[in-house]
Amino acid sequence: MIIPMRCFSCGKPISHLWEEYKERTQEKKEQPKKVLDELGLDRPCCRAVFLGQVDLIDQVNKFKKF
C-alpha cells in the first residue's frame, strides 16, 4: 500500500526512488527493468519490493475512518 522506507531484507533505503520509478514506468512507458537498473536497484530483494508494490492508497482513502 505504501512503499517501505527500507528494503525488508537488506535494509537499503528505497522509498526516495519510488516516485521516479512510478513516473517513468506509468507516464513515460519505460521498461521496469531498465528503470530499476538506472536507479541502482541491483539486488533481487529491492527489485521485488518495487515490482510487487500495488498503489492502493487512493482506494483506501475513500473509506471513512472511525
Protein backbone atom coordinates (compact mmCIF):
# COMPACT_ATOMS: atom_id res chain seq x y z
CA MET A 1 0.00 0.00 0.00
CA ILE A 2 2.74 2.46 0.96
CA ILE A 3 6.32 1.87 -0.15
CA PRO A 4 8.56 0.96 2.81
CA MET A 5 11.41 3.27 3.79
CA ARG A 6 13.96 0.45 3.57
CA CYS A 7 14.15 -2.91 1.87
CA PHE A 8 12.82 -5.64 4.14
CA SER A 9 15.75 -7.98 3.52
CA CYS A 10 18.91 -5.91 3.13
CA GLY A 11 17.92 -2.60 4.75
CA LYS A 12 18.86 -0.39 1.78
CA PRO A 13 16.89 2.91 1.66
CA ILE A 14 14.48 2.70 -1.29
CA SER A 15 11.47 4.93 -0.64
CA HIS A 16 13.06 8.02 -2.19
CA LEU A 17 13.21 6.19 -5.55
CA TRP A 18 9.51 5.24 -5.72
CA GLU A 19 8.14 8.46 -7.26
CA GLU A 20 10.68 8.47 -10.07
CA TYR A 21 10.08 4.77 -10.74
CA LYS A 22 6.32 5.25 -10.83
CA GLU A 23 6.55 8.28 -13.10
CA ARG A 24 8.91 6.65 -15.57
CA THR A 25 7.05 3.34 -15.81
CA GLN A 26 3.48 4.69 -15.92
CA GLU A 27 3.71 8.06 -17.65
CA LYS A 28 6.76 7.63 -19.87
CA LYS A 29 6.07 3.91 -20.54
CA GLU A 30 9.66 2.80 -19.94
CA GLN A 31 10.52 -0.82 -19.20
CA PRO A 32 10.66 -1.57 -15.43
CA LYS A 33 13.94 -3.49 -15.80
CA LYS A 34 15.66 -0.52 -17.42
CA VAL A 35 14.35 1.92 -14.80
CA LEU A 36 15.40 -0.30 -11.88
CA ASP A 37 18.88 -0.69 -13.36
CA GLU A 38 19.28 3.07 -13.80
CA LEU A 39 18.04 3.76 -10.26
CA GLY A 40 20.72 1.45 -8.88
CA LEU A 41 18.47 -1.31 -7.56
CA ASP A 42 20.63 -4.33 -8.32
CA ARG A 43 19.64 -6.68 -5.51
CA PRO A 44 16.71 -9.02 -6.14
CA CYS A 45 15.15 -8.22 -2.76
CA CYS A 46 14.93 -4.47 -3.53
CA ARG A 47 13.61 -5.15 -7.03
CA ALA A 48 10.93 -7.44 -5.61
CA VAL A 49 9.68 -4.68 -3.31
CA PHE A 50 9.22 -2.34 -6.30
CA LEU A 51 7.76 -4.93 -8.65
CA GLY A 52 5.38 -6.29 -6.00
CA GLN A 53 4.14 -2.88 -4.87
CA VAL A 54 0.45 -2.13 -5.51
CA ASP A 55 -0.52 1.51 -5.06
CA LEU A 56 -3.82 1.28 -3.13
CA ILE A 57 -3.61 4.44 -1.03
CA ASP A 58 -6.18 6.30 -3.18
CA GLN A 59 -8.69 3.47 -2.82
CA VAL A 60 -8.18 3.19 0.94
CA ASN A 61 -8.67 6.94 1.44
CA LYS A 62 -12.28 6.64 0.20
CA PHE A 63 -13.35 4.77 3.34
CA LYS A 64 -14.47 6.57 6.44
CA LYS A 65 -12.16 6.45 9.46
CA PHE A 66 -13.64 5.76 12.88
